[in-house]
Structures are given as C-alpha cells and as structure tokens.
Amino acid sequence: MAIKILKIEQTDNWCEAIRNKVKRIFGVYLFDSKRRVHCCEFTPSYECVFVESQAEFFDASDDAEIENIEEEIRRGDSQTDMVSYLHCHKLESFPRFKIRYLPKENAGVAMLRGLKSRTAEKRLEEAMAYARICQV
C-alpha cells in the first residue's frame, strides 16, 4: 500500500459567498497508488477518499475572519462525497508537492511516508488522522 495525498483545486465547486472570501480552496484526498479500480470502463481509476478542504486566504485576512471561513468550509465538507474516482493517468500527470504546502498549480500529489500500521484499513485511518492534524 502506497498512500499518497492529492490536493486538487476545487474553488469553483463552492458558492460565490465563500469563493469571494478566499484565493483558492483545495480538496484533500488520500489514495493508494498501488490499487487501481475500474468503474464500468476500461480506464483504471484511483479510489480517492476525501479528507477535508483547505483554503488559501488573501493576505489581508485576519485570524477571526479566517476562523469563520474555515468553519463555513467544514460545514460544506460535511456534504462532500467521501469517495471519488479519478483516472490514474490524470493523477499521475499532476506535479508533486511537499507535504504541508499547497501546490503552486491547481493540483498536486505527495507521497505520505512513515505510516506504522500493518493493515490497509489501519494505515488509511492513520493517514487520515495525520492529514487532518497536520493540515498536509
């Protein structure tokens, strides 16, 4: 199991009221790059598990404003599908980025290393907790 983190810009998926308050919003997903699935088609896909949305704020945003916007985004996240399927070739073409940073482009993939759990299910839980705590 090789868990990777996908950050993909999804600002356009948000309502105008939220879009006007942030530069960009990224959806953060986890996927196993060694596991390919076929969703009623020949083209293989990765099963991407939703973690959370992360916003890139305007420089003039103050802490209270950022906290309010992040709360609105968390409420919106509760309505997000927990699993999405994206074509492998698309994800493999995305640039790599360093964990804890947002990609400079509209999407990026980073390898998640150092997971200790032995089973696939536990590794995914560990990766999910890490991604949420560290805001990868």
Protein backbone atom coordinates (compact mmCIF):
# COMPACT_ATOMS: atom_id res chain seq x y z
CA MET A 1 0.00 0.00 0.00
CA ALA A 2 1.47 3.32 -1.10
CA ILE A 3 -0.74 6.08 0.26
CA LYS A 4 -0.49 9.42 -1.48
CA ILE A 5 -2.13 12.73 -0.80
CA LEU A 6 -3.94 14.53 -3.57
CA LYS A 7 -4.71 18.22 -3.38
CA ILE A 8 -6.88 19.49 -6.17
CA GLU A 9 -8.21 23.00 -6.59
CA GLN A 10 -12.00 22.97 -6.21
CA THR A 11 -12.84 26.63 -5.67
CA ASP A 12 -15.43 26.56 -8.45
CA ASN A 13 -17.38 23.89 -6.54
CA TRP A 14 -18.11 26.35 -3.73
CA CYS A 15 -20.83 29.01 -3.55
CA GLU A 16 -19.97 32.54 -4.55
CA ALA A 17 -20.14 33.79 -0.96
CA ILE A 18 -17.25 31.51 0.02
CA ARG A 19 -15.30 31.96 -3.24
CA ASN A 20 -15.21 35.72 -2.72
CA LYS A 21 -13.53 35.31 0.69
CA VAL A 22 -10.58 33.10 -0.36
CA LYS A 23 -7.93 32.86 -3.07
CA ARG A 24 -8.40 29.13 -3.64
CA ILE A 25 -9.91 26.06 -1.97
CA PHE A 26 -8.28 22.66 -2.32
CA GLY A 27 -9.94 19.32 -1.77
CA VAL A 28 -7.56 16.99 0.11
CA TYR A 29 -7.82 13.28 -0.67
CA LEU A 30 -5.92 10.08 0.13
CA PHE A 31 -5.43 7.27 -2.36
CA ASP A 32 -3.45 4.07 -2.67
CA SER A 33 -1.31 4.40 -5.80
CA LYS A 34 -0.93 0.61 -5.96
CA ARG A 35 -4.67 -0.02 -6.09
CA ARG A 36 -6.45 0.62 -9.38
CA VAL A 37 -10.15 0.11 -9.88
CA HIS A 38 -12.35 0.01 -12.97
CA CYS A 39 -15.64 1.89 -12.66
CA CYS A 40 -17.63 0.38 -15.53
CA GLU A 41 -14.93 1.37 -18.02
CA PHE A 42 -11.56 0.18 -19.31
CA THR A 43 -9.67 3.20 -17.99
CA PRO A 44 -8.32 2.49 -14.49
CA SER A 45 -9.07 4.91 -11.67
CA TYR A 46 -7.81 5.56 -8.17
CA GLU A 47 -10.29 5.48 -5.31
CA CYS A 48 -9.76 8.83 -3.58
CA VAL A 49 -11.00 9.19 0.00
CA PHE A 50 -11.96 12.73 0.96
CA VAL A 51 -10.15 14.18 3.98
CA GLU A 52 -11.09 17.87 4.07
CA SER A 53 -10.97 21.14 2.19
CA GLN A 54 -8.15 23.61 2.78
CA ALA A 55 -8.31 27.26 1.83
CA GLU A 56 -5.64 29.66 0.68
CA PHE A 57 -6.55 33.06 2.11
CA PHE A 58 -5.97 36.59 0.92
CA ASP A 59 -3.05 38.26 2.68
CA ALA A 60 -5.32 40.82 4.36
CA SER A 61 -7.48 38.18 6.08
CA ASP A 62 -7.38 38.44 9.88
CA ASP A 63 -7.46 35.47 12.28
CA ALA A 64 -11.12 35.85 13.26
CA GLU A 65 -12.20 36.08 9.63
CA ILE A 66 -10.10 33.02 8.72
CA GLU A 67 -11.63 31.04 11.59
CA ASN A 68 -15.17 31.94 10.46
CA ILE A 69 -14.45 30.98 6.86
CA GLU A 70 -12.84 27.70 7.91
CA GLU A 71 -15.96 26.88 9.94
CA GLU A 72 -18.15 27.54 6.88
CA ILE A 73 -15.89 25.29 4.82
CA ARG A 74 -16.09 22.49 7.44
CA ARG A 75 -19.89 22.70 7.26
CA GLY A 76 -19.67 22.42 3.49
CA ASP A 77 -17.30 19.45 3.78
CA SER A 78 -19.99 17.50 5.61
CA GLN A 79 -21.92 17.39 2.33
CA THR A 80 -18.98 16.16 0.24
CA ASP A 81 -18.92 12.62 -1.15
CA MET A 82 -16.47 10.60 0.92
CA VAL A 83 -15.10 8.72 -2.11
CA SER A 84 -14.33 9.97 -5.62
CA TYR A 85 -12.83 8.08 -8.52
CA LEU A 86 -10.25 9.83 -10.70
CA HIS A 87 -8.47 8.36 -13.70
CA CYS A 88 -4.98 7.11 -12.86
CA HIS A 89 -3.37 8.80 -15.87
CA LYS A 90 -4.76 12.16 -14.73
CA LEU A 91 -3.40 11.86 -11.19
CA GLU A 92 -0.06 10.56 -12.43
CA SER A 93 0.32 13.68 -14.57
CA PHE A 94 -0.12 16.04 -11.61
CA PRO A 95 3.01 17.75 -10.28
CA ARG A 96 4.49 16.64 -6.97
CA PHE A 97 4.41 18.95 -3.97
CA LYS A 98 5.84 18.94 -0.47
CA ILE A 99 3.55 17.97 2.37
CA ARG A 100 2.32 20.92 4.46
CA TYR A 101 2.27 23.23 1.42
CA LEU A 102 -0.42 23.93 -1.11
CA PRO A 103 0.56 23.16 -4.69
CA LYS A 104 1.57 26.15 -6.82
CA GLU A 105 -0.53 24.74 -9.65
CA ASN A 106 -4.18 23.73 -9.43
CA ALA A 107 -3.36 20.21 -8.27
CA GLY A 108 -0.57 18.15 -6.81
CA VAL A 109 0.30 14.75 -5.36
CA ALA A 110 2.58 13.98 -2.41
CA MET A 111 3.76 10.65 -1.00
CA LEU A 112 2.82 10.02 2.61
CA ARG A 113 5.67 8.22 4.37
CA GLY A 114 6.25 6.82 7.83
CA LEU A 115 2.90 5.10 8.41
CA LYS A 116 3.30 2.42 11.09
CA SER A 117 0.04 0.44 10.90
CA ARG A 118 0.17 -3.05 9.43
CA THR A 119 -3.27 -3.50 7.88
CA ALA A 120 -4.54 -1.47 4.93
CA GLU A 121 -7.57 -0.28 6.87
CA LYS A 122 -5.48 0.91 9.83
CA ARG A 123 -2.94 2.59 7.52
CA LEU A 124 -5.74 4.55 5.88
CA GLU A 125 -7.08 5.59 9.31
CA GLU A 126 -3.57 6.64 10.36
CA ALA A 127 -3.09 8.61 7.14
CA MET A 128 -6.47 10.31 7.58
CA ALA A 129 -5.63 11.34 11.15
CA TYR A 130 -2.22 12.61 10.08
CA ALA A 131 -3.69 14.62 7.20
CA ARG A 132 -6.27 16.27 9.43
CA ILE A 133 -3.95 17.05 12.34
CA CYS A 134 -1.05 18.34 10.27
CA GLN A 135 -3.08 20.05 7.54
CA VAL A 136 -0.78 18.46 4.99
